[in-house]
């Protein structure tokens, strides 16, 4: 393993020396399990990711692996674990995607909702039929039907009174 004196410029992510050091670092530390995941022998953080100090900086293991074997992480993109194992740092299981795409591929309720193609009543979410308010969406057809039914109830109540 190459060591640098304190006075020498340290390699940065993307430099050939940094890539070589990162690959050696990963080879010495990760365990390859039968499913193909590379798992580091460290305690995971609260979100389930493996973190470490490498070359005097805090990094996530999956980011080190991606930069060492694939290349730099493009601006505006984040790393998605295709195997859905946040501790995994196998570069074959990692892909740079937008935050939106990473969320959409997930398993939380936001991801589940974003994959829906039809409203609960079966109307398709098309650009013309989708009503957006903030971060929510609803169906224009259902909205119109609800307003129509509300207006009919209101008229019926006025007839009874008047």
N, C-alpha and C. Protein backbone atom coordinates (compact mmCIF):
# COMPACT_ATOMS: atom_id res chain seq x y z
N UNK A 1 0.84 -1.18 0.00
CA UNK A 1 0.00 0.00 0.00
C UNK A 1 0.89 1.24 0.00
N UNK A 2 0.53 2.22 -0.82
CA UNK A 2 1.31 3.44 -0.92
C UNK A 2 0.98 4.37 0.23
N UNK A 3 2.03 4.90 0.88
CA UNK A 3 1.81 5.88 1.93
C UNK A 3 2.47 7.18 1.53
N UNK A 4 1.87 8.28 1.92
CA UNK A 4 2.38 9.60 1.57
C UNK A 4 2.83 10.33 2.82
N UNK A 5 3.99 10.98 2.76
CA UNK A 5 4.39 11.81 3.90
C UNK A 5 3.41 12.96 4.07
N UNK A 6 3.31 13.50 5.30
CA UNK A 6 2.35 14.58 5.58
C UNK A 6 2.56 15.79 4.68
N UNK A 7 3.80 16.08 4.26
CA UNK A 7 4.08 17.26 3.46
C UNK A 7 3.68 17.10 1.99
N UNK A 8 3.48 15.87 1.53
CA UNK A 8 3.16 15.60 0.14
C UNK A 8 1.67 15.82 -0.12
N UNK A 9 1.35 16.29 -1.31
CA UNK A 9 -0.06 16.48 -1.70
C UNK A 9 -0.78 15.14 -1.67
N UNK A 10 -1.93 15.10 -1.01
CA UNK A 10 -2.71 13.87 -0.93
C UNK A 10 -3.51 13.69 -2.21
N UNK A 11 -3.64 12.45 -2.70
CA UNK A 11 -4.46 12.23 -3.90
C UNK A 11 -5.93 12.53 -3.62
N UNK A 12 -6.62 13.04 -4.61
CA UNK A 12 -8.04 13.38 -4.53
C UNK A 12 -8.86 12.33 -5.26
N UNK A 13 -10.16 12.21 -4.94
CA UNK A 13 -11.00 11.26 -5.68
C UNK A 13 -10.90 11.51 -7.18
N UNK A 14 -10.70 10.45 -7.93
CA UNK A 14 -10.55 10.57 -9.38
C UNK A 14 -9.11 10.46 -9.84
N UNK A 15 -8.14 10.81 -8.98
CA UNK A 15 -6.73 10.65 -9.33
C UNK A 15 -6.39 9.16 -9.39
N UNK A 16 -5.44 8.81 -10.22
CA UNK A 16 -5.05 7.41 -10.37
C UNK A 16 -4.56 6.84 -9.04
N UNK A 17 -3.80 7.64 -8.28
CA UNK A 17 -3.31 7.16 -6.98
C UNK A 17 -4.47 6.92 -6.02
N UNK A 18 -5.45 7.82 -6.01
CA UNK A 18 -6.61 7.68 -5.13
C UNK A 18 -7.38 6.42 -5.48
N UNK A 19 -7.57 6.19 -6.78
CA UNK A 19 -8.31 5.01 -7.23
C UNK A 19 -7.59 3.74 -6.79
N UNK A 20 -6.27 3.71 -6.96
CA UNK A 20 -5.49 2.54 -6.55
C UNK A 20 -5.60 2.31 -5.04
N UNK A 21 -5.47 3.39 -4.27
CA UNK A 21 -5.59 3.28 -2.82
C UNK A 21 -6.98 2.83 -2.40
N UNK A 22 -8.00 3.36 -3.07
CA UNK A 22 -9.38 2.98 -2.74
C UNK A 22 -9.62 1.51 -3.03
N UNK A 23 -9.12 1.03 -4.14
CA UNK A 23 -9.31 -0.39 -4.47
C UNK A 23 -8.60 -1.29 -3.47
N UNK A 24 -7.39 -0.90 -3.06
CA UNK A 24 -6.67 -1.67 -2.03
C UNK A 24 -7.44 -1.63 -0.71
N UNK A 25 -7.93 -0.46 -0.35
CA UNK A 25 -8.69 -0.27 0.88
C UNK A 25 -9.90 -1.20 0.90
N UNK A 26 -10.66 -1.23 -0.19
CA UNK A 26 -11.85 -2.08 -0.26
C UNK A 26 -11.48 -3.56 -0.25
N UNK A 27 -10.43 -3.93 -0.99
CA UNK A 27 -10.02 -5.33 -1.06
C UNK A 27 -9.63 -5.87 0.32
N UNK A 28 -9.02 -5.01 1.15
CA UNK A 28 -8.59 -5.43 2.48
C UNK A 28 -9.75 -5.52 3.47
N UNK A 29 -10.83 -4.80 3.22
CA UNK A 29 -11.85 -4.64 4.25
C UNK A 29 -13.21 -5.28 3.98
N UNK A 30 -13.62 -5.40 2.74
CA UNK A 30 -14.99 -5.87 2.51
C UNK A 30 -15.06 -7.39 2.42
N UNK A 31 -16.22 -7.89 2.80
CA UNK A 31 -16.51 -9.31 2.75
C UNK A 31 -17.51 -9.52 1.63
N UNK A 32 -17.25 -10.48 0.76
CA UNK A 32 -18.14 -10.75 -0.38
C UNK A 32 -19.05 -11.91 0.00
N UNK A 33 -20.36 -11.62 0.12
CA UNK A 33 -21.28 -12.69 0.53
C UNK A 33 -21.82 -13.42 -0.70
N UNK A 34 -22.48 -14.56 -0.53
CA UNK A 34 -22.95 -15.38 -1.66
C UNK A 34 -23.91 -14.67 -2.60
N UNK A 35 -24.64 -13.66 -2.11
CA UNK A 35 -25.58 -12.94 -2.98
C UNK A 35 -24.86 -11.96 -3.89
N UNK A 36 -23.57 -11.78 -3.71
CA UNK A 36 -22.80 -10.87 -4.54
C UNK A 36 -22.55 -9.52 -3.90
N UNK A 37 -23.17 -9.25 -2.76
CA UNK A 37 -22.96 -7.97 -2.08
C UNK A 37 -21.58 -7.94 -1.44
N UNK A 38 -20.95 -6.77 -1.46
CA UNK A 38 -19.71 -6.55 -0.75
C UNK A 38 -20.08 -5.83 0.54
N UNK A 39 -19.82 -6.46 1.67
CA UNK A 39 -20.24 -5.90 2.95
C UNK A 39 -19.04 -5.56 3.82
N UNK A 40 -18.93 -4.32 4.24
CA UNK A 40 -17.83 -3.93 5.12
C UNK A 40 -18.11 -4.35 6.56
N UNK A 41 -17.08 -4.73 7.32
CA UNK A 41 -17.28 -5.19 8.70
C UNK A 41 -17.31 -4.02 9.68
N UNK A 42 -18.26 -3.12 9.49
CA UNK A 42 -18.37 -1.95 10.36
C UNK A 42 -19.81 -1.82 10.86
N UNK A 43 -19.97 -1.07 11.92
CA UNK A 43 -21.30 -0.78 12.42
C UNK A 43 -21.97 0.19 11.43
N UNK A 44 -23.22 -0.08 11.12
CA UNK A 44 -23.94 0.76 10.16
C UNK A 44 -24.51 1.98 10.86
N UNK A 45 -24.66 3.06 10.10
CA UNK A 45 -25.26 4.26 10.69
C UNK A 45 -26.77 4.07 10.83
N UNK A 46 -27.45 5.08 11.32
CA UNK A 46 -28.88 4.99 11.61
C UNK A 46 -29.72 4.63 10.39
N UNK A 47 -29.29 5.06 9.20
CA UNK A 47 -30.03 4.77 7.97
C UNK A 47 -29.64 3.45 7.31
N UNK A 48 -28.64 2.76 7.87
CA UNK A 48 -28.23 1.46 7.34
C UNK A 48 -27.05 1.51 6.39
N UNK A 49 -26.37 2.65 6.29
CA UNK A 49 -25.21 2.79 5.41
C UNK A 49 -23.92 2.55 6.19
N UNK A 50 -22.88 2.07 5.49
CA UNK A 50 -21.57 1.85 6.10
C UNK A 50 -20.70 3.07 5.82
N UNK A 51 -20.13 3.64 6.87
CA UNK A 51 -19.28 4.83 6.74
C UNK A 51 -17.88 4.50 7.23
N UNK A 52 -16.91 5.28 6.73
CA UNK A 52 -15.53 5.08 7.14
C UNK A 52 -14.75 6.37 6.93
N UNK A 53 -13.55 6.41 7.49
CA UNK A 53 -12.62 7.49 7.20
C UNK A 53 -11.59 6.94 6.23
N UNK A 54 -11.48 7.56 5.08
CA UNK A 54 -10.52 7.13 4.06
C UNK A 54 -9.81 8.37 3.54
N UNK A 55 -8.51 8.34 3.59
CA UNK A 55 -7.67 9.45 3.15
C UNK A 55 -8.06 10.74 3.86
N UNK A 56 -8.24 10.65 5.16
CA UNK A 56 -8.50 11.78 6.04
C UNK A 56 -9.87 12.43 5.86
N UNK A 57 -10.78 11.75 5.21
CA UNK A 57 -12.14 12.27 5.03
C UNK A 57 -13.16 11.19 5.32
N UNK A 58 -14.35 11.61 5.79
CA UNK A 58 -15.45 10.67 6.01
C UNK A 58 -16.13 10.37 4.69
N UNK A 59 -16.34 9.09 4.42
CA UNK A 59 -16.99 8.66 3.18
C UNK A 59 -17.96 7.52 3.51
N UNK A 60 -18.92 7.35 2.62
CA UNK A 60 -19.72 6.13 2.63
C UNK A 60 -18.95 5.10 1.81
N UNK A 61 -18.98 3.83 2.25
CA UNK A 61 -18.28 2.78 1.51
C UNK A 61 -18.77 2.69 0.07
N UNK A 62 -20.08 2.81 -0.16
CA UNK A 62 -20.59 2.65 -1.52
C UNK A 62 -20.10 3.78 -2.43
N UNK A 63 -19.87 4.98 -1.89
CA UNK A 63 -19.35 6.06 -2.71
C UNK A 63 -17.88 5.83 -3.06
N UNK A 64 -17.11 5.31 -2.12
CA UNK A 64 -15.70 4.97 -2.40
C UNK A 64 -15.65 3.93 -3.52
N UNK A 65 -16.48 2.89 -3.40
CA UNK A 65 -16.48 1.82 -4.40
C UNK A 65 -16.89 2.35 -5.77
N UNK A 66 -17.90 3.18 -5.81
CA UNK A 66 -18.36 3.71 -7.10
C UNK A 66 -17.26 4.54 -7.75
N UNK A 67 -16.65 5.43 -6.96
CA UNK A 67 -15.59 6.29 -7.52
C UNK A 67 -14.35 5.50 -7.91
N UNK A 68 -14.06 4.41 -7.20
CA UNK A 68 -12.86 3.62 -7.49
C UNK A 68 -13.04 2.72 -8.71
N UNK A 69 -14.25 2.18 -8.92
CA UNK A 69 -14.44 1.21 -10.00
C UNK A 69 -15.24 1.73 -11.19
N UNK A 70 -16.07 2.74 -10.99
CA UNK A 70 -16.91 3.24 -12.08
C UNK A 70 -16.43 4.60 -12.55
N UNK A 71 -16.24 5.51 -11.62
CA UNK A 71 -15.79 6.86 -11.96
C UNK A 71 -16.42 7.86 -11.01
N UNK A 72 -16.20 9.15 -11.27
CA UNK A 72 -16.76 10.16 -10.36
C UNK A 72 -18.29 10.16 -10.39
N UNK A 73 -18.88 10.52 -9.27
CA UNK A 73 -20.33 10.62 -9.19
C UNK A 73 -20.74 11.93 -9.85
N UNK A 74 -21.54 11.88 -10.91
CA UNK A 74 -21.92 13.13 -11.61
C UNK A 74 -22.68 14.08 -10.69
N UNK A 75 -22.48 15.38 -10.90
CA UNK A 75 -23.19 16.39 -10.11
C UNK A 75 -24.69 16.19 -10.25
N UNK A 76 -25.40 16.35 -9.16
CA UNK A 76 -26.85 16.24 -9.17
C UNK A 76 -27.37 14.82 -9.09
N UNK A 77 -26.48 13.84 -9.06
CA UNK A 77 -26.91 12.44 -8.99
C UNK A 77 -26.51 11.85 -7.65
N UNK A 78 -27.20 10.79 -7.28
CA UNK A 78 -26.91 10.06 -6.06
C UNK A 78 -26.76 8.58 -6.41
N UNK A 79 -26.21 7.80 -5.51
CA UNK A 79 -25.96 6.39 -5.79
C UNK A 79 -27.15 5.56 -5.31
N UNK A 80 -27.67 4.74 -6.22
CA UNK A 80 -28.77 3.83 -5.90
C UNK A 80 -28.22 2.42 -5.77
N UNK A 81 -28.66 1.71 -4.74
CA UNK A 81 -28.28 0.31 -4.53
C UNK A 81 -29.28 -0.57 -5.25
N UNK A 82 -28.90 -1.16 -6.35
CA UNK A 82 -29.81 -2.00 -7.13
C UNK A 82 -30.21 -3.25 -6.36
N UNK A 83 -29.37 -3.69 -5.44
CA UNK A 83 -29.67 -4.88 -4.63
C UNK A 83 -30.55 -4.54 -3.43
N UNK A 84 -30.83 -3.26 -3.21
CA UNK A 84 -31.66 -2.73 -2.11
C UNK A 84 -30.99 -2.92 -0.74
N UNK A 85 -29.70 -3.27 -0.71
CA UNK A 85 -28.95 -3.43 0.54
C UNK A 85 -28.07 -2.19 0.71
N UNK A 86 -28.43 -1.32 1.62
CA UNK A 86 -27.71 -0.04 1.78
C UNK A 86 -26.26 -0.22 2.22
N UNK A 87 -25.93 -1.32 2.84
CA UNK A 87 -24.56 -1.55 3.29
C UNK A 87 -23.66 -2.05 2.16
N UNK A 88 -24.24 -2.52 1.07
CA UNK A 88 -23.48 -3.10 -0.03
C UNK A 88 -22.63 -2.04 -0.73
N UNK A 89 -21.40 -2.43 -1.10
CA UNK A 89 -20.54 -1.51 -1.85
C UNK A 89 -19.98 -2.19 -3.11
N UNK A 90 -20.68 -3.21 -3.62
CA UNK A 90 -20.29 -3.84 -4.88
C UNK A 90 -20.63 -2.88 -6.02
N UNK A 91 -19.64 -2.43 -6.81
CA UNK A 91 -19.93 -1.46 -7.86
C UNK A 91 -20.92 -1.97 -8.91
N UNK A 92 -21.05 -3.31 -9.05
CA UNK A 92 -22.04 -3.85 -9.98
C UNK A 92 -23.46 -3.67 -9.47
N UNK A 93 -23.61 -3.41 -8.17
CA UNK A 93 -24.92 -3.21 -7.56
C UNK A 93 -25.25 -1.72 -7.40
N UNK A 94 -24.39 -0.84 -7.89
CA UNK A 94 -24.55 0.60 -7.69
C UNK A 94 -24.79 1.30 -9.02
N UNK A 95 -25.65 2.31 -8.99
CA UNK A 95 -25.94 3.09 -10.20
C UNK A 95 -26.18 4.54 -9.80
N UNK A 96 -25.63 5.47 -10.57
CA UNK A 96 -25.84 6.90 -10.32
C UNK A 96 -27.17 7.31 -10.96
N UNK A 97 -28.08 7.82 -10.14
CA UNK A 97 -29.40 8.24 -10.61
C UNK A 97 -29.78 9.55 -9.92
N UNK A 98 -30.86 10.17 -10.38
CA UNK A 98 -31.36 11.37 -9.71
C UNK A 98 -31.99 10.97 -8.38
N UNK A 99 -32.13 11.93 -7.50
CA UNK A 99 -32.76 11.67 -6.21
C UNK A 99 -34.19 11.18 -6.43
N UNK A 100 -34.89 11.78 -7.40
CA UNK A 100 -36.27 11.38 -7.70
C UNK A 100 -36.32 9.91 -8.13
N UNK A 101 -35.43 9.52 -9.03
CA UNK A 101 -35.42 8.13 -9.50
C UNK A 101 -35.08 7.18 -8.36
N UNK A 102 -34.14 7.56 -7.51
CA UNK A 102 -33.75 6.73 -6.37
C UNK A 102 -34.94 6.55 -5.43
N UNK A 103 -35.69 7.62 -5.18
CA UNK A 103 -36.88 7.53 -4.34
C UNK A 103 -37.94 6.65 -4.98
N UNK A 104 -38.14 6.82 -6.28
CA UNK A 104 -39.16 6.06 -7.00
C UNK A 104 -38.87 4.56 -6.98
N UNK A 105 -37.60 4.19 -7.00
CA UNK A 105 -37.22 2.78 -6.98
C UNK A 105 -37.31 2.16 -5.60
N UNK A 106 -37.47 2.97 -4.57
CA UNK A 106 -37.47 2.50 -3.20
C UNK A 106 -38.71 1.70 -2.83
N UNK A 107 -38.83 1.40 -1.55
CA UNK A 107 -39.94 0.59 -1.06
C UNK A 107 -40.80 1.33 -0.04
N UNK A 108 -40.53 2.63 0.18
CA UNK A 108 -41.34 3.37 1.16
C UNK A 108 -42.67 3.80 0.54
N UNK A 109 -43.53 4.43 1.32
CA UNK A 109 -44.87 4.77 0.83
C UNK A 109 -44.82 5.79 -0.30
N UNK A 110 -43.84 6.69 -0.29
CA UNK A 110 -43.73 7.68 -1.38
C UNK A 110 -43.41 6.97 -2.70
N UNK A 111 -42.53 5.99 -2.64
CA UNK A 111 -42.18 5.25 -3.84
C UNK A 111 -43.38 4.45 -4.35
N UNK A 112 -44.09 3.83 -3.42
CA UNK A 112 -45.28 3.05 -3.81
C UNK A 112 -46.30 3.94 -4.50
N UNK A 113 -46.55 5.12 -3.94
CA UNK A 113 -47.52 6.04 -4.53
C UNK A 113 -47.07 6.57 -5.89
N UNK A 114 -45.78 6.85 -6.03
CA UNK A 114 -45.30 7.41 -7.29
C UNK A 114 -45.40 6.41 -8.45
N UNK A 115 -45.42 5.11 -8.12
CA UNK A 115 -45.52 4.09 -9.17
C UNK A 115 -46.96 3.82 -9.61
N UNK A 116 -47.92 4.35 -8.87
CA UNK A 116 -49.33 4.13 -9.24
C UNK A 116 -49.64 4.80 -10.56
N UNK A 117 -50.35 4.11 -11.42
CA UNK A 117 -50.71 4.65 -12.73
C UNK A 117 -52.18 5.02 -12.82
N UNK A 118 -52.99 4.59 -11.82
CA UNK A 118 -54.42 4.86 -11.82
C UNK A 118 -54.87 5.31 -10.43
N UNK A 119 -55.91 6.12 -10.39
CA UNK A 119 -56.48 6.57 -9.11
C UNK A 119 -57.24 5.40 -8.47
N UNK A 120 -57.67 5.53 -7.21
CA UNK A 120 -58.40 4.43 -6.55
C UNK A 120 -59.68 4.01 -7.28
N UNK A 121 -60.28 4.92 -8.07
CA UNK A 121 -61.49 4.59 -8.81
C UNK A 121 -61.18 4.02 -10.20
N UNK A 122 -59.91 3.90 -10.56
CA UNK A 122 -59.52 3.26 -11.81
C UNK A 122 -59.25 4.20 -12.97
N UNK A 123 -59.29 5.53 -12.76
CA UNK A 123 -58.98 6.46 -13.85
C UNK A 123 -57.47 6.59 -13.99
N UNK A 124 -56.99 6.63 -15.22
CA UNK A 124 -55.56 6.69 -15.48
C UNK A 124 -55.01 8.08 -15.14
N UNK A 125 -53.80 8.10 -14.55
CA UNK A 125 -53.11 9.35 -14.30
C UNK A 125 -52.39 9.76 -15.58
N UNK A 126 -53.01 10.60 -16.36
CA UNK A 126 -52.39 11.16 -17.56
C UNK A 126 -52.12 12.63 -17.28
N UNK A 127 -51.29 13.29 -18.07
CA UNK A 127 -51.05 14.73 -17.83
C UNK A 127 -52.35 15.54 -17.84
N UNK A 128 -53.30 15.17 -18.69
CA UNK A 128 -54.57 15.91 -18.77
C UNK A 128 -55.48 15.59 -17.59
N UNK A 129 -55.37 14.40 -17.02
CA UNK A 129 -56.28 13.96 -15.97
C UNK A 129 -55.66 14.00 -14.58
N UNK A 130 -54.46 14.58 -14.45
CA UNK A 130 -53.79 14.61 -13.16
C UNK A 130 -53.81 16.02 -12.59
N UNK A 131 -54.33 16.13 -11.39
CA UNK A 131 -54.42 17.41 -10.69
C UNK A 131 -53.29 17.42 -9.66
N UNK A 132 -52.40 18.40 -9.76
CA UNK A 132 -51.26 18.48 -8.84
C UNK A 132 -51.44 19.66 -7.90
N UNK A 133 -51.25 19.39 -6.61
CA UNK A 133 -51.31 20.42 -5.59
C UNK A 133 -50.16 20.16 -4.63
N UNK A 134 -49.11 20.97 -4.73
CA UNK A 134 -47.92 20.75 -3.92
C UNK A 134 -47.27 19.44 -4.35
N UNK A 135 -47.07 18.55 -3.39
CA UNK A 135 -46.44 17.25 -3.68
C UNK A 135 -47.45 16.13 -3.85
N UNK A 136 -48.73 16.48 -3.98
CA UNK A 136 -49.74 15.45 -4.12
C UNK A 136 -50.37 15.50 -5.50
N UNK A 137 -50.97 14.42 -5.89
CA UNK A 137 -51.69 14.39 -7.16
C UNK A 137 -53.02 13.70 -6.93
N UNK A 138 -53.99 14.10 -7.72
CA UNK A 138 -55.30 13.47 -7.67
C UNK A 138 -55.86 13.47 -9.08
N UNK A 139 -56.99 12.84 -9.23
CA UNK A 139 -57.61 12.64 -10.53
C UNK A 139 -58.64 13.74 -10.80
N UNK A 140 -58.53 14.42 -11.95
CA UNK A 140 -59.49 15.47 -12.30
C UNK A 140 -60.89 14.89 -12.49
N UNK A 141 -61.01 13.70 -13.05
CA UNK A 141 -62.32 13.08 -13.26
C UNK A 141 -63.02 12.88 -11.92
N UNK A 142 -62.32 12.34 -10.94
CA UNK A 142 -62.90 12.14 -9.60
C UNK A 142 -63.23 13.48 -8.96
N UNK A 143 -62.35 14.46 -9.12
CA UNK A 143 -62.58 15.78 -8.54
C UNK A 143 -63.87 16.39 -9.10
N UNK A 144 -64.05 16.31 -10.43
CA UNK A 144 -65.27 16.84 -11.05
C UNK A 144 -66.52 16.10 -10.55
N UNK A 145 -66.42 14.78 -10.44
CA UNK A 145 -67.56 13.99 -9.96
C UNK A 145 -67.90 14.35 -8.52
N UNK A 146 -66.89 14.58 -7.68
CA UNK A 146 -67.13 14.96 -6.29
C UNK A 146 -67.79 16.33 -6.21
N UNK A 147 -67.33 17.28 -7.04
CA UNK A 147 -67.94 18.62 -7.05
C UNK A 147 -69.38 18.56 -7.54
N UNK A 148 -69.62 17.75 -8.56
CA UNK A 148 -70.98 17.60 -9.10
C UNK A 148 -71.92 17.01 -8.04
N UNK A 149 -71.48 15.96 -7.35
CA UNK A 149 -72.29 15.33 -6.30
C UNK A 149 -72.51 16.31 -5.15
N UNK A 150 -71.50 17.09 -4.78
CA UNK A 150 -71.64 18.07 -3.71
C UNK A 150 -72.65 19.15 -4.10
N UNK A 151 -72.61 19.61 -5.34
CA UNK A 151 -73.56 20.62 -5.81
C UNK A 151 -74.98 20.07 -5.80
N UNK A 152 -75.17 18.81 -6.20
CA UNK A 152 -76.50 18.19 -6.19
C UNK A 152 -77.04 18.09 -4.76
N UNK A 153 -76.18 17.69 -3.81
CA UNK A 153 -76.61 17.61 -2.41
C UNK A 153 -76.99 19.00 -1.88
N UNK A 154 -76.21 20.00 -2.25
CA UNK A 154 -76.49 21.36 -1.81
C UNK A 154 -77.83 21.85 -2.36
N UNK A 155 -78.09 21.60 -3.66
CA UNK A 155 -79.36 21.99 -4.29
C UNK A 155 -80.53 21.27 -3.64
N UNK A 156 -80.37 19.98 -3.36
CA UNK A 156 -81.43 19.19 -2.74
C UNK A 156 -81.73 19.74 -1.34
N UNK A 157 -80.69 20.11 -0.59
CA UNK A 157 -80.89 20.64 0.75
C UNK A 157 -81.61 22.00 0.68
N UNK A 158 -81.28 22.82 -0.32
CA UNK A 158 -81.95 24.12 -0.47
C UNK A 158 -83.42 23.95 -0.83
N UNK A 159 -83.76 22.94 -1.65
CA UNK A 159 -85.15 22.67 -2.02
C UNK A 159 -85.97 22.26 -0.80
N UNK A 160 -85.34 21.46 0.08
CA UNK A 160 -86.05 21.01 1.28
C UNK A 160 -86.34 22.19 2.21
N UNK A 161 -85.38 23.11 2.31
CA UNK A 161 -85.51 24.27 3.20
C UNK A 161 -86.51 25.27 2.59
N UNK A 162 -86.36 25.54 1.29
CA UNK A 162 -87.11 26.62 0.66
C UNK A 162 -88.34 26.17 0.03
